[in-house]
């Protein structure tokens, strides 16, 4: 998406199209949102932190300024406290059994 957005931006400048420039901006924002969602899913899958994906979704959903929201996600001190304050809780509580421990 960022590549597509940059190509749209170049064409928008060449043809002087405000609509295409707005579409390029939307493509860039959608690309960044997709990267944040993917990062949350990967953090959940790799590091087994079940709060990573919903945290990214909550911050991005409620933020009017998406750039500021992404910055807040990256600089967050206590993600569990943020989720607790928002009212989110995991639907399933995972428990480790003795058979699965290394």
PDB file of N, CA and C in Angstrom:
ATOM      1  N   UNK A   1       0.804  -1.204   0.000  1.00  0.00           N
ATOM      2  CA  UNK A   1       0.000   0.000   0.000  1.00  0.00           C
ATOM      3  C   UNK A   1       0.854   1.279   0.000  1.00  0.00           C
ATOM      4  N   UNK A   2       1.931   1.361   0.793  1.00  0.00           N
ATOM      5  CA  UNK A   2       2.730   2.584   0.725  1.00  0.00           C
ATOM      6  C   UNK A   2       3.302   2.837  -0.675  1.00  0.00           C
ATOM      7  N   UNK A   3       3.703   1.754  -1.369  1.00  0.00           N
ATOM      8  CA  UNK A   3       4.207   1.931  -2.733  1.00  0.00           C
ATOM      9  C   UNK A   3       3.095   2.462  -3.632  1.00  0.00           C
ATOM     10  N   UNK A   4       1.905   1.884  -3.520  1.00  0.00           N
ATOM     11  CA  UNK A   4       0.766   2.336  -4.319  1.00  0.00           C
ATOM     12  C   UNK A   4       0.442   3.798  -4.020  1.00  0.00           C
ATOM     13  N   UNK A   5       0.493   4.159  -2.751  1.00  0.00           N
ATOM     14  CA  UNK A   5       0.208   5.542  -2.372  1.00  0.00           C
ATOM     15  C   UNK A   5       1.225   6.502  -2.980  1.00  0.00           C
ATOM     16  N   UNK A   6       2.491   6.122  -2.962  1.00  0.00           N
ATOM     17  CA  UNK A   6       3.511   7.013  -3.537  1.00  0.00           C
ATOM     18  C   UNK A   6       3.338   7.156  -5.045  1.00  0.00           C
ATOM     19  N   UNK A   7       2.970   6.066  -5.722  1.00  0.00           N
ATOM     20  CA  UNK A   7       2.735   6.145  -7.163  1.00  0.00           C
ATOM     21  C   UNK A   7       1.512   7.007  -7.480  1.00  0.00           C
ATOM     22  N   UNK A   8       0.463   6.856  -6.689  1.00  0.00           N
ATOM     23  CA  UNK A   8      -0.726   7.688  -6.885  1.00  0.00           C
ATOM     24  C   UNK A   8      -0.394   9.162  -6.654  1.00  0.00           C
ATOM     25  N   UNK A   9       0.426   9.433  -5.635  1.00  0.00           N
ATOM     26  CA  UNK A   9       0.809  10.810  -5.325  1.00  0.00           C
ATOM     27  C   UNK A   9       1.574  11.424  -6.499  1.00  0.00           C
ATOM     28  N   UNK A  10       2.496  10.654  -7.106  1.00  0.00           N
ATOM     29  CA  UNK A  10       3.261  11.154  -8.254  1.00  0.00           C
ATOM     30  C   UNK A  10       2.349  11.489  -9.421  1.00  0.00           C
ATOM     31  N   UNK A  11       1.402  10.592  -9.721  1.00  0.00           N
ATOM     32  CA  UNK A  11       0.474  10.835 -10.829  1.00  0.00           C
ATOM     33  C   UNK A  11      -0.435  12.015 -10.505  1.00  0.00           C
ATOM     34  N   UNK A  12      -0.858  12.129  -9.249  1.00  0.00           N
ATOM     35  CA  UNK A  12      -1.729  13.246  -8.853  1.00  0.00           C
ATOM     36  C   UNK A  12      -1.041  14.590  -9.081  1.00  0.00           C
ATOM     37  N   UNK A  13       0.261  14.640  -8.823  1.00  0.00           N
ATOM     38  CA  UNK A  13       1.007  15.882  -9.048  1.00  0.00           C
ATOM     39  C   UNK A  13       1.112  16.166 -10.543  1.00  0.00           C
ATOM     40  N   UNK A  14       1.347  15.115 -11.326  1.00  0.00           N
ATOM     41  CA  UNK A  14       1.493  15.298 -12.774  1.00  0.00           C
ATOM     42  C   UNK A  14       0.210  15.782 -13.430  1.00  0.00           C
ATOM     43  N   UNK A  15      -0.929  15.253 -12.987  1.00  0.00           N
ATOM     44  CA  UNK A  15      -2.200  15.633 -13.612  1.00  0.00           C
ATOM     45  C   UNK A  15      -2.961  16.686 -12.805  1.00  0.00           C
ATOM     46  N   UNK A  16      -2.386  17.118 -11.691  1.00  0.00           N
ATOM     47  CA  UNK A  16      -2.992  18.150 -10.834  1.00  0.00           C
ATOM     48  C   UNK A  16      -4.394  17.744 -10.390  1.00  0.00           C
ATOM     49  N   UNK A  17      -4.505  16.539  -9.836  1.00  0.00           N
ATOM     50  CA  UNK A  17      -5.804  16.026  -9.401  1.00  0.00           C
ATOM     51  C   UNK A  17      -5.870  15.970  -7.880  1.00  0.00           C
ATOM     52  N   UNK A  18      -6.759  16.778  -7.309  1.00  0.00           N
ATOM     53  CA  UNK A  18      -6.945  16.768  -5.858  1.00  0.00           C
ATOM     54  C   UNK A  18      -7.587  15.457  -5.408  1.00  0.00           C
ATOM     55  N   UNK A  19      -8.471  14.903  -6.238  1.00  0.00           N
ATOM     56  CA  UNK A  19      -9.133  13.644  -5.886  1.00  0.00           C
ATOM     57  C   UNK A  19      -8.124  12.496  -5.824  1.00  0.00           C
ATOM     58  N   UNK A  20      -7.217  12.449  -6.780  1.00  0.00           N
ATOM     59  CA  UNK A  20      -6.208  11.391  -6.774  1.00  0.00           C
ATOM     60  C   UNK A  20      -5.227  11.586  -5.618  1.00  0.00           C
ATOM     61  N   UNK A  21      -4.936  12.832  -5.274  1.00  0.00           N
ATOM     62  CA  UNK A  21      -4.063  13.096  -4.129  1.00  0.00           C
ATOM     63  C   UNK A  21      -4.737  12.625  -2.838  1.00  0.00           C
ATOM     64  N   UNK A  22      -6.037  12.850  -2.699  1.00  0.00           N
ATOM     65  CA  UNK A  22      -6.776  12.377  -1.522  1.00  0.00           C
ATOM     66  C   UNK A  22      -6.809  10.854  -1.492  1.00  0.00           C
ATOM     67  N   UNK A  23      -6.955  10.226  -2.655  1.00  0.00           N
ATOM     68  CA  UNK A  23      -6.947   8.768  -2.728  1.00  0.00           C
ATOM     69  C   UNK A  23      -5.575   8.213  -2.339  1.00  0.00           C
ATOM     70  N   UNK A  24      -4.516   8.904  -2.715  1.00  0.00           N
ATOM     71  CA  UNK A  24      -3.168   8.487  -2.333  1.00  0.00           C
ATOM     72  C   UNK A  24      -2.985   8.551  -0.824  1.00  0.00           C
ATOM     73  N   UNK A  25      -3.523   9.592  -0.216  1.00  0.00           N
ATOM     74  CA  UNK A  25      -3.443   9.721   1.241  1.00  0.00           C
ATOM     75  C   UNK A  25      -4.214   8.597   1.916  1.00  0.00           C
ATOM     76  N   UNK A  26      -5.397   8.273   1.393  1.00  0.00           N
ATOM     77  CA  UNK A  26      -6.180   7.184   1.963  1.00  0.00           C
ATOM     78  C   UNK A  26      -5.444   5.848   1.824  1.00  0.00           C
ATOM     79  N   UNK A  27      -4.804   5.627   0.694  1.00  0.00           N
ATOM     80  CA  UNK A  27      -4.041   4.393   0.506  1.00  0.00           C
ATOM     81  C   UNK A  27      -2.893   4.294   1.505  1.00  0.00           C
ATOM     82  N   UNK A  28      -2.235   5.416   1.771  1.00  0.00           N
ATOM     83  CA  UNK A  28      -1.135   5.419   2.733  1.00  0.00           C
ATOM     84  C   UNK A  28      -1.638   5.115   4.142  1.00  0.00           C
ATOM     85  N   UNK A  29      -2.740   5.737   4.539  1.00  0.00           N
ATOM     86  CA  UNK A  29      -3.303   5.507   5.870  1.00  0.00           C
ATOM     87  C   UNK A  29      -3.738   4.056   6.021  1.00  0.00           C
ATOM     88  N   UNK A  30      -4.389   3.513   5.002  1.00  0.00           N
ATOM     89  CA  UNK A  30      -4.809   2.113   5.057  1.00  0.00           C
ATOM     90  C   UNK A  30      -3.601   1.177   5.149  1.00  0.00           C
ATOM     91  N   UNK A  31      -2.537   1.514   4.476  1.00  0.00           N
ATOM     92  CA  UNK A  31      -1.327   0.709   4.566  1.00  0.00           C
ATOM     93  C   UNK A  31      -0.752   0.708   5.968  1.00  0.00           C
ATOM     94  N   UNK A  32      -0.696   1.881   6.600  1.00  0.00           N
ATOM     95  CA  UNK A  32      -0.177   1.969   7.964  1.00  0.00           C
ATOM     96  C   UNK A  32      -1.076   1.220   8.945  1.00  0.00           C
ATOM     97  N   UNK A  33      -2.380   1.334   8.762  1.00  0.00           N
ATOM     98  CA  UNK A  33      -3.305   0.620   9.641  1.00  0.00           C
ATOM     99  C   UNK A  33      -3.147  -0.893   9.480  1.00  0.00           C
ATOM    100  N   UNK A  34      -2.932  -1.340   8.256  1.00  0.00           N
ATOM    101  CA  UNK A  34      -2.715  -2.770   8.019  1.00  0.00           C
ATOM    102  C   UNK A  34      -1.431  -3.238   8.688  1.00  0.00           C
ATOM    103  N   UNK A  35      -0.389  -2.427   8.627  1.00  0.00           N
ATOM    104  CA  UNK A  35       0.875  -2.798   9.274  1.00  0.00           C
ATOM    105  C   UNK A  35       0.721  -2.893  10.790  1.00  0.00           C
ATOM    106  N   UNK A  36      -0.035  -1.969  11.385  1.00  0.00           N
ATOM    107  CA  UNK A  36      -0.269  -2.018  12.828  1.00  0.00           C
ATOM    108  C   UNK A  36      -1.048  -3.269  13.199  1.00  0.00           C
ATOM    109  N   UNK A  37      -2.090  -3.591  12.426  1.00  0.00           N
ATOM    110  CA  UNK A  37      -2.871  -4.798  12.706  1.00  0.00           C
ATOM    111  C   UNK A  37      -2.005  -6.045  12.570  1.00  0.00           C
ATOM    112  N   UNK A  38      -1.170  -6.095  11.543  1.00  0.00           N
ATOM    113  CA  UNK A  38      -0.278  -7.239  11.352  1.00  0.00           C
ATOM    114  C   UNK A  38       0.723  -7.343  12.499  1.00  0.00           C
ATOM    115  N   UNK A  39       1.245  -6.208  12.951  1.00  0.00           N
ATOM    116  CA  UNK A  39       2.195  -6.224  14.065  1.00  0.00           C
ATOM    117  C   UNK A  39       1.534  -6.757  15.333  1.00  0.00           C
ATOM    118  N   UNK A  40       0.287  -6.364  15.576  1.00  0.00           N
ATOM    119  CA  UNK A  40      -0.432  -6.875  16.744  1.00  0.00           C
ATOM    120  C   UNK A  40      -0.653  -8.373  16.665  1.00  0.00           C
ATOM    121  N   UNK A  41      -1.024  -8.858  15.499  1.00  0.00           N
ATOM    122  CA  UNK A  41      -1.232 -10.298  15.328  1.00  0.00           C
ATOM    123  C   UNK A  41       0.070 -11.076  15.468  1.00  0.00           C
ATOM    124  N   UNK A  42       1.143 -10.541  14.903  1.00  0.00           N
ATOM    125  CA  UNK A  42       2.434 -11.223  15.019  1.00  0.00           C
ATOM    126  C   UNK A  42       2.937 -11.236  16.458  1.00  0.00           C
ATOM    127  N   UNK A  43       2.761 -10.131  17.165  1.00  0.00           N
ATOM    128  CA  UNK A  43       3.181 -10.096  18.573  1.00  0.00           C
ATOM    129  C   UNK A  43       2.406 -11.121  19.377  1.00  0.00           C
ATOM    130  N   UNK A  44       1.131 -11.259  19.070  1.00  0.00           N
ATOM    131  CA  UNK A  44       0.305 -12.254  19.754  1.00  0.00           C
ATOM    132  C   UNK A  44       0.791 -13.661  19.427  1.00  0.00           C
ATOM    133  N   UNK A  45       1.078 -13.931  18.165  1.00  0.00           N
ATOM    134  CA  UNK A  45       1.467 -15.278  17.750  1.00  0.00           C
ATOM    135  C   UNK A  45       2.880 -15.644  18.202  1.00  0.00           C
ATOM    136  N   UNK A  46       3.804 -14.710  18.112  1.00  0.00           N
ATOM    137  CA  UNK A  46       5.208 -15.027  18.411  1.00  0.00           C
ATOM    138  C   UNK A  46       5.515 -14.937  19.894  1.00  0.00           C
ATOM    139  N   UNK A  47       5.086 -13.844  20.525  1.00  0.00           N
ATOM    140  CA  UNK A  47       5.458 -13.605  21.922  1.00  0.00           C
ATOM    141  C   UNK A  47       4.364 -14.028  22.906  1.00  0.00           C
ATOM    142  N   UNK A  48       3.249 -14.515  22.394  1.00  0.00           N
ATOM    143  CA  UNK A  48       2.139 -14.995  23.225  1.00  0.00           C
ATOM    144  C   UNK A  48       1.625 -13.915  24.172  1.00  0.00           C
ATOM    145  N   UNK A  49       1.463 -12.713  23.634  1.00  0.00           N
ATOM    146  CA  UNK A  49       0.870 -11.622  24.403  1.00  0.00           C
ATOM    147  C   UNK A  49      -0.529 -11.373  23.825  1.00  0.00           C
ATOM    148  N   UNK A  50      -1.554 -11.928  24.451  1.00  0.00           N
ATOM    149  CA  UNK A  50      -2.901 -11.860  23.877  1.00  0.00           C
ATOM    150  C   UNK A  50      -3.482 -10.446  23.825  1.00  0.00           C
ATOM    151  N   UNK A  51      -2.885  -9.490  24.486  1.00  0.00           N
ATOM    152  CA  UNK A  51      -3.417  -8.134  24.506  1.00  0.00           C
ATOM    153  C   UNK A  51      -2.868  -7.281  23.367  1.00  0.00           C
ATOM    154  N   UNK A  52      -1.890  -7.760  22.606  1.00  0.00           N
ATOM    155  CA  UNK A  52      -1.236  -6.925  21.594  1.00  0.00           C
ATOM    156  C   UNK A  52      -2.181  -6.518  20.463  1.00  0.00           C
ATOM    157  N   UNK A  53      -2.893  -7.461  19.890  1.00  0.00           N
ATOM    158  CA  UNK A  53      -3.787  -7.143  18.770  1.00  0.00           C
ATOM    159  C   UNK A  53      -4.952  -6.257  19.207  1.00  0.00           C
ATOM    160  N   UNK A  54      -5.678  -6.595  20.303  1.00  0.00           N
ATOM    161  CA  UNK A  54      -6.766  -5.700  20.701  1.00  0.00           C
ATOM    162  C   UNK A  54      -6.279  -4.319  21.132  1.00  0.00           C
ATOM    163  N   UNK A  55      -5.078  -4.254  21.668  1.00  0.00           N
ATOM    164  CA  UNK A  55      -4.527  -2.956  22.052  1.00  0.00           C
ATOM    165  C   UNK A  55      -4.344  -2.075  20.824  1.00  0.00           C
ATOM    166  N   UNK A  56      -3.752  -2.624  19.791  1.00  0.00           N
ATOM    167  CA  UNK A  56      -3.566  -1.853  18.561  1.00  0.00           C
ATOM    168  C   UNK A  56      -4.913  -1.420  17.984  1.00  0.00           C
ATOM    169  N   UNK A  57      -5.879  -2.317  17.985  1.00  0.00           N
ATOM    170  CA  UNK A  57      -7.203  -1.993  17.448  1.00  0.00           C
ATOM    171  C   UNK A  57      -7.896  -0.903  18.256  1.00  0.00           C
ATOM    172  N   UNK A  58      -7.833  -1.003  19.580  1.00  0.00           N
ATOM    173  CA  UNK A  58      -8.493  -0.004  20.426  1.00  0.00           C
ATOM    174  C   UNK A  58      -7.901   1.382  20.238  1.00  0.00           C
ATOM    175  N   UNK A  59      -6.594   1.448  20.237  1.00  0.00           N
ATOM    176  CA  UNK A  59      -5.958   2.759  20.110  1.00  0.00           C
ATOM    177  C   UNK A  59      -6.263   3.369  18.753  1.00  0.00           C
ATOM    178  N   UNK A  60      -6.170   2.566  17.699  1.00  0.00           N
ATOM    179  CA  UNK A  60      -6.423   3.103  16.365  1.00  0.00           C
ATOM    180  C   UNK A  60      -7.892   3.448  16.145  1.00  0.00           C
ATOM    181  N   UNK A  61      -8.784   2.683  16.740  1.00  0.00           N
ATOM    182  CA  UNK A  61     -10.214   2.930  16.548  1.00  0.00           C
ATOM    183  C   UNK A  61     -10.656   4.234  17.192  1.00  0.00           C
ATOM    184  N   UNK A  62     -10.142   4.526  18.363  1.00  0.00           N
ATOM    185  CA  UNK A  62     -10.619   5.690  19.109  1.00  0.00           C
ATOM    186  C   UNK A  62      -9.809   6.951  18.863  1.00  0.00           C
ATOM    187  N   UNK A  63      -8.801   6.867  18.055  1.00  0.00           N
ATOM    188  CA  UNK A  63      -7.951   8.033  17.845  1.00  0.00           C
ATOM    189  C   UNK A  63      -8.430   8.835  16.640  1.00  0.00           C
ATOM    190  N   UNK A  64      -8.496  10.134  16.827  1.00  0.00           N
ATOM    191  CA  UNK A  64      -8.829  10.982  15.689  1.00  0.00           C
ATOM    192  C   UNK A  64      -7.584  11.271  14.854  1.00  0.00           C
ATOM    193  N   UNK A  65      -6.432  11.315  15.501  1.00  0.00           N
ATOM    194  CA  UNK A  65      -5.169  11.537  14.818  1.00  0.00           C
ATOM    195  C   UNK A  65      -4.421  10.202  14.773  1.00  0.00           C
ATOM    196  N   UNK A  66      -4.424   9.541  13.639  1.00  0.00           N
ATOM    197  CA  UNK A  66      -3.859   8.187  13.533  1.00  0.00           C
ATOM    198  C   UNK A  66      -2.348   8.181  13.743  1.00  0.00           C
ATOM    199  N   UNK A  67      -1.639   9.202  13.290  1.00  0.00           N
ATOM    200  CA  UNK A  67      -0.185   9.242  13.499  1.00  0.00           C
ATOM    201  C   UNK A  67       0.145   9.306  14.989  1.00  0.00           C
ATOM    202  N   UNK A  68      -0.603  10.135  15.706  1.00  0.00           N
ATOM    203  CA  UNK A  68      -0.392  10.246  17.142  1.00  0.00           C
ATOM    204  C   UNK A  68      -0.717   8.919  17.828  1.00  0.00           C
ATOM    205  N   UNK A  69      -1.755   8.243  17.355  1.00  0.00           N
ATOM    206  CA  UNK A  69      -2.132   6.953  17.934  1.00  0.00           C
ATOM    207  C   UNK A  69      -1.040   5.910  17.732  1.00  0.00           C
ATOM    208  N   UNK A  70      -0.462   5.879  16.553  1.00  0.00           N
ATOM    209  CA  UNK A  70       0.624   4.927  16.294  1.00  0.00           C
ATOM    210  C   UNK A  70       1.814   5.239  17.192  1.00  0.00           C
ATOM    211  N   UNK A  71       2.115   6.529  17.361  1.00  0.00           N
ATOM    212  CA  UNK A  71       3.202   6.922  18.266  1.00  0.00           C
ATOM    213  C   UNK A  71       2.914   6.470  19.701  1.00  0.00           C
ATOM    214  N   UNK A  72       1.656   6.621  20.134  1.00  0.00           N
ATOM    215  CA  UNK A  72       1.277   6.198  21.491  1.00  0.00           C
ATOM    216  C   UNK A  72       1.418   4.690  21.665  1.00  0.00           C
ATOM    217  N   UNK A  73       1.069   3.926  20.642  1.00  0.00           N
ATOM    218  CA  UNK A  73       1.223   2.474  20.717  1.00  0.00           C
ATOM    219  C   UNK A  73       2.689   2.110  20.899  1.00  0.00           C
ATOM    220  N   UNK A  74       3.537   2.746  20.123  1.00  0.00           N
ATOM    221  CA  UNK A  74       4.955   2.408  20.165  1.00  0.00           C
ATOM    222  C   UNK A  74       5.621   2.848  21.464  1.00  0.00           C
ATOM    223  N   UNK A  75       5.095   3.903  22.105  1.00  0.00           N
ATOM    224  CA  UNK A  75       5.712   4.433  23.321  1.00  0.00           C
ATOM    225  C   UNK A  75       4.938   4.085  24.591  1.00  0.00           C
ATOM    226  N   UNK A  76       3.984   3.172  24.515  1.00  0.00           N
ATOM    227  CA  UNK A  76       3.134   2.851  25.653  1.00  0.00           C
ATOM    228  C   UNK A  76       3.933   2.180  26.771  1.00  0.00           C
ATOM    229  N   UNK A  77       3.726   2.659  28.001  1.00  0.00           N
ATOM    230  CA  UNK A  77       4.440   2.104  29.154  1.00  0.00           C
ATOM    231  C   UNK A  77       3.763   0.861  29.711  1.00  0.00           C
ATOM    232  N   UNK A  78       2.445   0.928  29.877  1.00  0.00           N
ATOM    233  CA  UNK A  78       1.734  -0.185  30.513  1.00  0.00           C
ATOM    234  C   UNK A  78       0.508  -0.569  29.687  1.00  0.00           C
ATOM    235  N   UNK A  79       0.672  -1.472  28.715  1.00  0.00           N
ATOM    236  CA  UNK A  79      -0.449  -1.820  27.852  1.00  0.00           C
ATOM    237  C   UNK A  79      -1.586  -2.524  28.584  1.00  0.00           C
ATOM    238  N   UNK A  80      -1.272  -3.305  29.598  1.00  0.00           N
ATOM    239  CA  UNK A  80      -2.328  -4.003  30.334  1.00  0.00           C
ATOM    240  C   UNK A  80      -3.225  -3.008  31.064  1.00  0.00           C
ATOM    241  N   UNK A  81      -2.643  -1.952  31.611  1.00  0.00           N
ATOM    242  CA  UNK A  81      -3.437  -0.926  32.287  1.00  0.00           C
ATOM    243  C   UNK A  81      -4.325  -0.186  31.282  1.00  0.00           C
ATOM    244  N   UNK A  82      -3.797   0.069  30.095  1.00  0.00           N
ATOM    245  CA  UNK A  82      -4.593   0.726  29.063  1.00  0.00           C
ATOM    246  C   UNK A  82      -5.805  -0.123  28.703  1.00  0.00           C
ATOM    247  N   UNK A  83      -5.585  -1.423  28.513  1.00  0.00           N
ATOM    248  CA  UNK A  83      -6.689  -2.314  28.161  1.00  0.00           C
ATOM    249  C   UNK A  83      -7.703  -2.420  29.292  1.00  0.00           C
ATOM    250  N   UNK A  84      -7.232  -2.479  30.529  1.00  0.00           N
ATOM    251  CA  UNK A  84      -8.144  -2.558  31.668  1.00  0.00           C
ATOM    252  C   UNK A  84      -9.001  -1.291  31.752  1.00  0.00           C
ATOM    253  N   UNK A  85      -8.392  -0.146  31.507  1.00  0.00           N
ATOM    254  CA  UNK A  85      -9.117   1.121  31.547  1.00  0.00           C
ATOM    255  C   UNK A  85     -10.168   1.192  30.436  1.00  0.00           C
ATOM    256  N   UNK A  86      -9.872   0.576  29.297  1.00  0.00           N
ATOM    257  CA  UNK A  86     -10.807   0.613  28.168  1.00  0.00           C
ATOM    258  C   UNK A  86     -11.980  -0.345  28.357  1.00  0.00           C
ATOM    259  N   UNK A  87     -11.860  -1.294  29.284  1.00  0.00           N
ATOM    260  CA  UNK A  87     -12.926  -2.253  29.516  1.00  0.00           C
ATOM    261  C   UNK A  87     -12.745  -3.556  28.767  1.00  0.00           C
ATOM    262  N   UNK A  88     -11.649  -3.702  28.020  1.00  0.00           N
ATOM    263  CA  UNK A  88     -11.412  -4.931  27.261  1.00  0.00           C
ATOM    264  C   UNK A  88     -10.907  -6.011  28.196  1.00  0.00           C
ATOM    265  N   UNK A  89     -11.348  -7.221  27.964  1.00  0.00           N
ATOM    266  CA  UNK A  89     -10.812  -8.373  28.686  1.00  0.00           C
ATOM    267  C   UNK A  89     -10.818  -9.555  27.724  1.00  0.00           C
ATOM    268  N   UNK A  90      -9.883 -10.478  27.876  1.00  0.00           N
ATOM    269  CA  UNK A  90      -9.835 -11.609  26.950  1.00  0.00           C
ATOM    270  C   UNK A  90     -11.051 -12.506  27.127  1.00  0.00           C
ATOM    271  N   UNK A  91     -11.593 -12.966  26.023  1.00  0.00           N
ATOM    272  CA  UNK A  91     -12.767 -13.840  26.082  1.00  0.00           C
ATOM    273  C   UNK A  91     -12.393 -15.218  26.612  1.00  0.00           C
ATOM    274  N   UNK A  92     -11.166 -15.624  26.368  1.00  0.00           N
ATOM    275  CA  UNK A  92     -10.703 -16.942  26.801  1.00  0.00           C
ATOM    276  C   UNK A  92      -9.460 -16.746  27.657  1.00  0.00           C
ATOM    277  N   UNK A  93      -9.435 -17.355  28.794  1.00  0.00           N
ATOM    278  CA  UNK A  93      -8.249 -17.312  29.646  1.00  0.00           C
ATOM    279  C   UNK A  93      -7.408 -18.555  29.339  1.00  0.00           C
ATOM    280  N   UNK A  94      -6.197 -18.339  28.906  1.00  0.00           N
ATOM    281  CA  UNK A  94      -5.318 -19.451  28.585  1.00  0.00           C
ATOM    282  C   UNK A  94      -4.542 -19.865  29.824  1.00  0.00           C
ATOM    283  N   UNK A  95      -4.447 -21.141  30.031  1.00  0.00           N
ATOM    284  CA  UNK A  95      -3.690 -21.658  31.153  1.00  0.00           C
ATOM    285  C   UNK A  95      -2.648 -22.639  30.631  1.00  0.00           C
ATOM    286  N   UNK A  96      -1.454 -22.547  31.167  1.00  0.00           N
ATOM    287  CA  UNK A  96      -0.418 -23.484  30.772  1.00  0.00           C
ATOM    288  C   UNK A  96      -0.509 -24.715  31.643  1.00  0.00           C
ATOM    289  N   UNK A  97      -0.427 -25.850  31.031  1.00  0.00           N
ATOM    290  CA  UNK A  97      -0.421 -27.081  31.805  1.00  0.00           C
ATOM    291  C   UNK A  97       1.011 -27.599  31.900  1.00  0.00           C
ATOM    292  N   UNK A  98       1.222 -28.520  32.794  1.00  0.00           N
ATOM    293  CA  UNK A  98       2.553 -29.060  33.021  1.00  0.00           C
ATOM    294  C   UNK A  98       3.100 -29.774  31.790  1.00  0.00           C
ATOM    295  N   UNK A  99       2.211 -30.284  30.957  1.00  0.00           N
ATOM    296  CA  UNK A  99       2.670 -31.018  29.767  1.00  0.00           C
ATOM    297  C   UNK A  99       3.316 -30.115  28.741  1.00  0.00           C
ATOM    298  N   UNK A 100       2.976 -28.827  28.748  1.00  0.00           N
ATOM    299  CA  UNK A 100       3.445 -27.929  27.703  1.00  0.00           C
ATOM    300  C   UNK A 100       4.665 -27.109  28.102  1.00  0.00           C
ATOM    301  N   UNK A 101       5.087 -27.186  29.312  1.00  0.00           N
ATOM    302  CA  UNK A 101       6.230 -26.402  29.761  1.00  0.00           C
ATOM    303  C   UNK A 101       7.525 -27.059  29.312  1.00  0.00           C
ATOM    304  N   UNK A 102       8.513 -26.254  28.944  1.00  0.00           N
ATOM    305  CA  UNK A 102       9.786 -26.836  28.487  1.00  0.00           C
ATOM    306  C   UNK A 102      10.556 -27.495  29.622  1.00  0.00           C
TER     307      UNK A 102
END
